[in-house]
Amino acid sequence: MDLDIEALKAKIAELKKEHRELDQEIIKIEQIGSDGIRLQRMKRRKLALKDQIARLESQLLPDIIA
């Protein structure tokens, strides 16, 4: 069980790193003002990463029955 949790945490850290790097790339491209299609793809990828991070983080939280 601890291995699963550690694997999830490692995956989350990896995805967060990719998200930050993508954010920096997007900022650079927006400053240059070129390649709109690439920018759209990068923004979609960033959003997908955010969703994936949220899903994985929710797996780390115990189910709470109200």
PDB file of N, CA and C in Angstrom:
ATOM      1  N   MET A   1       0.826  -1.195   0.000  1.00  0.00           N
ATOM      2  CA  MET A   1       0.000   0.000   0.000  1.00  0.00           C
ATOM      3  C   MET A   1       0.864   1.250   0.000  1.00  0.00           C
ATOM      4  N   ASP A   2       1.910   1.264   0.817  1.00  0.00           N
ATOM      5  CA  ASP A   2       2.793   2.422   0.878  1.00  0.00           C
ATOM      6  C   ASP A   2       3.489   2.646  -0.465  1.00  0.00           C
ATOM      7  N   LEU A   3       3.776   1.550  -1.170  1.00  0.00           N
ATOM      8  CA  LEU A   3       4.405   1.684  -2.482  1.00  0.00           C
ATOM      9  C   LEU A   3       3.464   2.365  -3.458  1.00  0.00           C
ATOM     10  N   ASP A   4       2.183   2.037  -3.381  1.00  0.00           N
ATOM     11  CA  ASP A   4       1.200   2.671  -4.250  1.00  0.00           C
ATOM     12  C   ASP A   4       1.098   4.160  -3.970  1.00  0.00           C
ATOM     13  N   ILE A   5       1.095   4.510  -2.698  1.00  0.00           N
ATOM     14  CA  ILE A   5       1.012   5.921  -2.316  1.00  0.00           C
ATOM     15  C   ILE A   5       2.251   6.669  -2.779  1.00  0.00           C
ATOM     16  N   GLU A   6       3.408   6.056  -2.583  1.00  0.00           N
ATOM     17  CA  GLU A   6       4.652   6.702  -3.013  1.00  0.00           C
ATOM     18  C   GLU A   6       4.710   6.836  -4.535  1.00  0.00           C
ATOM     19  N   ALA A   7       4.208   5.834  -5.232  1.00  0.00           N
ATOM     20  CA  ALA A   7       4.166   5.894  -6.694  1.00  0.00           C
ATOM     21  C   ALA A   7       3.236   7.009  -7.161  1.00  0.00           C
ATOM     22  N   LEU A   8       2.094   7.152  -6.486  1.00  0.00           N
ATOM     23  CA  LEU A   8       1.161   8.231  -6.822  1.00  0.00           C
ATOM     24  C   LEU A   8       1.795   9.590  -6.576  1.00  0.00           C
ATOM     25  N   LYS A   9       2.460   9.736  -5.443  1.00  0.00           N
ATOM     26  CA  LYS A   9       3.118  11.006  -5.122  1.00  0.00           C
ATOM     27  C   LYS A   9       4.205  11.335  -6.135  1.00  0.00           C
ATOM     28  N   ALA A  10       4.958  10.326  -6.558  1.00  0.00           N
ATOM     29  CA  ALA A  10       6.010  10.546  -7.555  1.00  0.00           C
ATOM     30  C   ALA A  10       5.400  10.962  -8.896  1.00  0.00           C
ATOM     31  N   LYS A  11       4.318  10.320  -9.278  1.00  0.00           N
ATOM     32  CA  LYS A  11       3.646  10.649 -10.534  1.00  0.00           C
ATOM     33  C   LYS A  11       3.083  12.068 -10.486  1.00  0.00           C
ATOM     34  N   ILE A  12       2.495  12.442  -9.348  1.00  0.00           N
ATOM     35  CA  ILE A  12       1.962  13.789  -9.188  1.00  0.00           C
ATOM     36  C   ILE A  12       3.075  14.819  -9.306  1.00  0.00           C
ATOM     37  N   ALA A  13       4.195  14.550  -8.660  1.00  0.00           N
ATOM     38  CA  ALA A  13       5.332  15.476  -8.732  1.00  0.00           C
ATOM     39  C   ALA A  13       5.828  15.627 -10.168  1.00  0.00           C
ATOM     40  N   GLU A  14       5.876  14.514 -10.886  1.00  0.00           N
ATOM     41  CA  GLU A  14       6.311  14.532 -12.290  1.00  0.00           C
ATOM     42  C   GLU A  14       5.348  15.357 -13.146  1.00  0.00           C
ATOM     43  N   LEU A  15       4.052  15.169 -12.943  1.00  0.00           N
ATOM     44  CA  LEU A  15       3.051  15.902 -13.707  1.00  0.00           C
ATOM     45  C   LEU A  15       3.067  17.392 -13.372  1.00  0.00           C
ATOM     46  N   LYS A  16       3.271  17.716 -12.098  1.00  0.00           N
ATOM     47  CA  LYS A  16       3.349  19.124 -11.702  1.00  0.00           C
ATOM     48  C   LYS A  16       4.559  19.808 -12.333  1.00  0.00           C
ATOM     49  N   LYS A  17       5.655  19.079 -12.419  1.00  0.00           N
ATOM     50  CA  LYS A  17       6.858  19.625 -13.061  1.00  0.00           C
ATOM     51  C   LYS A  17       6.578  19.906 -14.538  1.00  0.00           C
ATOM     52  N   GLU A  18       5.951  18.945 -15.212  1.00  0.00           N
ATOM     53  CA  GLU A  18       5.610  19.124 -16.625  1.00  0.00           C
ATOM     54  C   GLU A  18       4.646  20.298 -16.796  1.00  0.00           C
ATOM     55  N   HIS A  19       3.698  20.444 -15.877  1.00  0.00           N
ATOM     56  CA  HIS A  19       2.728  21.536 -15.916  1.00  0.00           C
ATOM     57  C   HIS A  19       3.440  22.880 -15.805  1.00  0.00           C
ATOM     58  N   ARG A  20       4.384  22.990 -14.861  1.00  0.00           N
ATOM     59  CA  ARG A  20       5.141  24.237 -14.693  1.00  0.00           C
ATOM     60  C   ARG A  20       5.970  24.571 -15.936  1.00  0.00           C
ATOM     61  N   GLU A  21       6.633  23.552 -16.489  1.00  0.00           N
ATOM     62  CA  GLU A  21       7.442  23.758 -17.684  1.00  0.00           C
ATOM     63  C   GLU A  21       6.578  24.202 -18.859  1.00  0.00           C
ATOM     64  N   LEU A  22       5.439  23.599 -18.998  1.00  0.00           N
ATOM     65  CA  LEU A  22       4.507  23.953 -20.062  1.00  0.00           C
ATOM     66  C   LEU A  22       4.011  25.384 -19.888  1.00  0.00           C
ATOM     67  N   ASP A  23       3.758  25.768 -18.646  1.00  0.00           N
ATOM     68  CA  ASP A  23       3.322  27.127 -18.348  1.00  0.00           C
ATOM     69  C   ASP A  23       4.379  28.133 -18.795  1.00  0.00           C
ATOM     70  N   GLN A  24       5.636  27.842 -18.517  1.00  0.00           N
ATOM     71  CA  GLN A  24       6.721  28.731 -18.928  1.00  0.00           C
ATOM     72  C   GLN A  24       6.811  28.826 -20.449  1.00  0.00           C
ATOM     73  N   GLU A  25       6.662  27.709 -21.126  1.00  0.00           N
ATOM     74  CA  GLU A  25       6.677  27.693 -22.596  1.00  0.00           C
ATOM     75  C   GLU A  25       5.534  28.544 -23.160  1.00  0.00           C
ATOM     76  N   ILE A  26       4.360  28.397 -22.566  1.00  0.00           N
ATOM     77  CA  ILE A  26       3.188  29.150 -23.026  1.00  0.00           C
ATOM     78  C   ILE A  26       3.436  30.644 -22.867  1.00  0.00           C
ATOM     79  N   ILE A  27       3.998  31.040 -21.749  1.00  0.00           N
ATOM     80  CA  ILE A  27       4.297  32.456 -21.513  1.00  0.00           C
ATOM     81  C   ILE A  27       5.257  32.982 -22.576  1.00  0.00           C
ATOM     82  N   LYS A  28       6.274  32.215 -22.884  1.00  0.00           N
ATOM     83  CA  LYS A  28       7.246  32.629 -23.913  1.00  0.00           C
ATOM     84  C   LYS A  28       6.577  32.801 -25.274  1.00  0.00           C
ATOM     85  N   ILE A  29       5.753  31.840 -25.640  1.00  0.00           N
ATOM     86  CA  ILE A  29       5.085  31.886 -26.941  1.00  0.00           C
ATOM     87  C   ILE A  29       4.116  33.063 -27.000  1.00  0.00           C
ATOM     88  N   GLU A  30       3.404  33.321 -25.897  1.00  0.00           N
ATOM     89  CA  GLU A  30       2.467  34.442 -25.867  1.00  0.00           C
ATOM     90  C   GLU A  30       3.201  35.775 -26.006  1.00  0.00           C
ATOM     91  N   GLN A  31       4.384  35.874 -25.433  1.00  0.00           N
ATOM     92  CA  GLN A  31       5.164  37.103 -25.541  1.00  0.00           C
ATOM     93  C   GLN A  31       5.629  37.333 -26.979  1.00  0.00           C
ATOM     94  N   ILE A  32       5.991  36.270 -27.641  1.00  0.00           N
ATOM     95  CA  ILE A  32       6.427  36.367 -29.032  1.00  0.00           C
ATOM     96  C   ILE A  32       5.233  36.649 -29.934  1.00  0.00           C
ATOM     97  N   GLY A  33       4.108  36.045 -29.596  1.00  0.00           N
ATOM     98  CA  GLY A  33       2.880  36.260 -30.356  1.00  0.00           C
ATOM     99  C   GLY A  33       2.812  35.469 -31.642  1.00  0.00           C
ATOM    100  N   SER A  34       3.374  34.282 -31.624  1.00  0.00           N
ATOM    101  CA  SER A  34       3.329  33.465 -32.836  1.00  0.00           C
ATOM    102  C   SER A  34       2.824  32.060 -32.539  1.00  0.00           C
ATOM    103  N   ASP A  35       2.536  31.335 -33.609  1.00  0.00           N
ATOM    104  CA  ASP A  35       2.163  29.921 -33.551  1.00  0.00           C
ATOM    105  C   ASP A  35       0.928  29.671 -32.690  1.00  0.00           C
ATOM    106  N   GLY A  36      -0.201  30.188 -33.150  1.00  0.00           N
ATOM    107  CA  GLY A  36      -1.454  30.063 -32.416  1.00  0.00           C
ATOM    108  C   GLY A  36      -1.925  28.642 -32.229  1.00  0.00           C
ATOM    109  N   ILE A  37      -1.732  27.791 -33.229  1.00  0.00           N
ATOM    110  CA  ILE A  37      -2.172  26.398 -33.123  1.00  0.00           C
ATOM    111  C   ILE A  37      -1.359  25.668 -32.064  1.00  0.00           C
ATOM    112  N   ARG A  38      -0.058  25.881 -32.075  1.00  0.00           N
ATOM    113  CA  ARG A  38       0.810  25.257 -31.070  1.00  0.00           C
ATOM    114  C   ARG A  38       0.424  25.733 -29.670  1.00  0.00           C
ATOM    115  N   LEU A  39       0.122  27.006 -29.552  1.00  0.00           N
ATOM    116  CA  LEU A  39      -0.277  27.577 -28.271  1.00  0.00           C
ATOM    117  C   LEU A  39      -1.564  26.921 -27.768  1.00  0.00           C
ATOM    118  N   GLN A  40      -2.531  26.743 -28.644  1.00  0.00           N
ATOM    119  CA  GLN A  40      -3.787  26.081 -28.263  1.00  0.00           C
ATOM    120  C   GLN A  40      -3.538  24.658 -27.789  1.00  0.00           C
ATOM    121  N   ARG A  41      -2.686  23.926 -28.501  1.00  0.00           N
ATOM    122  CA  ARG A  41      -2.380  22.547 -28.122  1.00  0.00           C
ATOM    123  C   ARG A  41      -1.701  22.496 -26.755  1.00  0.00           C
ATOM    124  N   MET A  42      -0.796  23.428 -26.545  1.00  0.00           N
ATOM    125  CA  MET A  42      -0.089  23.467 -25.267  1.00  0.00           C
ATOM    126  C   MET A  42      -1.045  23.788 -24.119  1.00  0.00           C
ATOM    127  N   LYS A  43      -1.969  24.700 -24.356  1.00  0.00           N
ATOM    128  CA  LYS A  43      -2.937  25.050 -23.319  1.00  0.00           C
ATOM    129  C   LYS A  43      -3.860  23.867 -23.018  1.00  0.00           C
ATOM    130  N   ARG A  44      -4.249  23.128 -24.058  1.00  0.00           N
ATOM    131  CA  ARG A  44      -5.080  21.934 -23.849  1.00  0.00           C
ATOM    132  C   ARG A  44      -4.323  20.885 -23.042  1.00  0.00           C
ATOM    133  N   ARG A  45      -3.042  20.706 -23.379  1.00  0.00           N
ATOM    134  CA  ARG A  45      -2.201  19.744 -22.660  1.00  0.00           C
ATOM    135  C   ARG A  45      -2.058  20.163 -21.198  1.00  0.00           C
ATOM    136  N   LYS A  46      -1.880  21.460 -20.968  1.00  0.00           N
ATOM    137  CA  LYS A  46      -1.748  21.976 -19.606  1.00  0.00           C
ATOM    138  C   LYS A  46      -3.023  21.698 -18.806  1.00  0.00           C
ATOM    139  N   LEU A  47      -4.173  21.912 -19.412  1.00  0.00           N
ATOM    140  CA  LEU A  47      -5.443  21.650 -18.745  1.00  0.00           C
ATOM    141  C   LEU A  47      -5.612  20.159 -18.457  1.00  0.00           C
ATOM    142  N   ALA A  48      -5.218  19.330 -19.414  1.00  0.00           N
ATOM    143  CA  ALA A  48      -5.310  17.883 -19.213  1.00  0.00           C
ATOM    144  C   ALA A  48      -4.403  17.446 -18.059  1.00  0.00           C
ATOM    145  N   LEU A  49      -3.228  18.043 -17.971  1.00  0.00           N
ATOM    146  CA  LEU A  49      -2.327  17.732 -16.868  1.00  0.00           C
ATOM    147  C   LEU A  49      -2.950  18.129 -15.534  1.00  0.00           C
ATOM    148  N   LYS A  50      -3.559  19.302 -15.509  1.00  0.00           N
ATOM    149  CA  LYS A  50      -4.199  19.782 -14.282  1.00  0.00           C
ATOM    150  C   LYS A  50      -5.291  18.810 -13.841  1.00  0.00           C
ATOM    151  N   ASP A  51      -6.098  18.345 -14.785  1.00  0.00           N
ATOM    152  CA  ASP A  51      -7.165  17.387 -14.479  1.00  0.00           C
ATOM    153  C   ASP A  51      -6.588  16.066 -13.963  1.00  0.00           C
ATOM    154  N   GLN A  52      -5.524  15.615 -14.602  1.00  0.00           N
ATOM    155  CA  GLN A  52      -4.898  14.359 -14.205  1.00  0.00           C
ATOM    156  C   GLN A  52      -4.296  14.479 -12.801  1.00  0.00           C
ATOM    157  N   ILE A  53      -3.673  15.610 -12.516  1.00  0.00           N
ATOM    158  CA  ILE A  53      -3.113  15.845 -11.182  1.00  0.00           C
ATOM    159  C   ILE A  53      -4.229  15.818 -10.141  1.00  0.00           C
ATOM    160  N   ALA A  54      -5.331  16.480 -10.431  1.00  0.00           N
ATOM    161  CA  ALA A  54      -6.457  16.512  -9.492  1.00  0.00           C
ATOM    162  C   ALA A  54      -7.009  15.106  -9.237  1.00  0.00           C
ATOM    163  N   ARG A  55      -7.132  14.304 -10.294  1.00  0.00           N
ATOM    164  CA  ARG A  55      -7.625  12.930 -10.125  1.00  0.00           C
ATOM    165  C   ARG A  55      -6.691  12.113  -9.232  1.00  0.00           C
ATOM    166  N   LEU A  56      -5.394  12.236  -9.487  1.00  0.00           N
ATOM    167  CA  LEU A  56      -4.431  11.469  -8.697  1.00  0.00           C
ATOM    168  C   LEU A  56      -4.407  11.941  -7.245  1.00  0.00           C
ATOM    169  N   GLU A  57      -4.491  13.250  -7.041  1.00  0.00           N
ATOM    170  CA  GLU A  57      -4.505  13.771  -5.673  1.00  0.00           C
ATOM    171  C   GLU A  57      -5.751  13.311  -4.921  1.00  0.00           C
ATOM    172  N   SER A  58      -6.861  13.187  -5.621  1.00  0.00           N
ATOM    173  CA  SER A  58      -8.086  12.722  -4.955  1.00  0.00           C
ATOM    174  C   SER A  58      -7.949  11.259  -4.533  1.00  0.00           C
ATOM    175  N   GLN A  59      -7.123  10.505  -5.236  1.00  0.00           N
ATOM    176  CA  GLN A  59      -6.889   9.109  -4.852  1.00  0.00           C
ATOM    177  C   GLN A  59      -6.084   9.012  -3.556  1.00  0.00           C
ATOM    178  N   LEU A  60      -5.309  10.050  -3.257  1.00  0.00           N
ATOM    179  CA  LEU A  60      -4.517  10.042  -2.032  1.00  0.00           C
ATOM    180  C   LEU A  60      -5.360  10.335  -0.798  1.00  0.00           C
ATOM    181  N   LEU A  61      -6.483  11.031  -1.003  1.00  0.00           N
ATOM    182  CA  LEU A  61      -7.338  11.395   0.118  1.00  0.00           C
ATOM    183  C   LEU A  61      -8.257  10.239   0.462  1.00  0.00           C
ATOM    184  N   PRO A  62      -8.415   9.960   1.749  1.00  0.00           N
ATOM    185  CA  PRO A  62      -9.331   8.865   2.129  1.00  0.00           C
ATOM    186  C   PRO A  62     -10.774   9.265   1.866  1.00  0.00           C
ATOM    187  N   ASP A  63     -11.601   8.287   1.560  1.00  0.00           N
ATOM    188  CA  ASP A  63     -13.028   8.543   1.363  1.00  0.00           C
ATOM    189  C   ASP A  63     -13.649   8.892   2.709  1.00  0.00           C
ATOM    190  N   ILE A  64     -14.349  10.006   2.736  1.00  0.00           N
ATOM    191  CA  ILE A  64     -14.993  10.444   3.967  1.00  0.00           C
ATOM    192  C   ILE A  64     -16.511  10.309   3.775  1.00  0.00           C
ATOM    193  N   ILE A  65     -17.115   9.545   4.632  1.00  0.00           N
ATOM    194  CA  ILE A  65     -18.559   9.362   4.574  1.00  0.00           C
ATOM    195  C   ILE A  65     -19.181  10.352   5.525  1.00  0.00           C
ATOM    196  N   ALA A  66     -19.998  11.239   4.988  1.00  0.00           N
ATOM    197  CA  ALA A  66     -20.613  12.292   5.822  1.00  0.00           C
ATOM    198  C   ALA A  66     -21.778  11.777   6.588  1.00  0.00           C
TER     199      ALA A  66
END
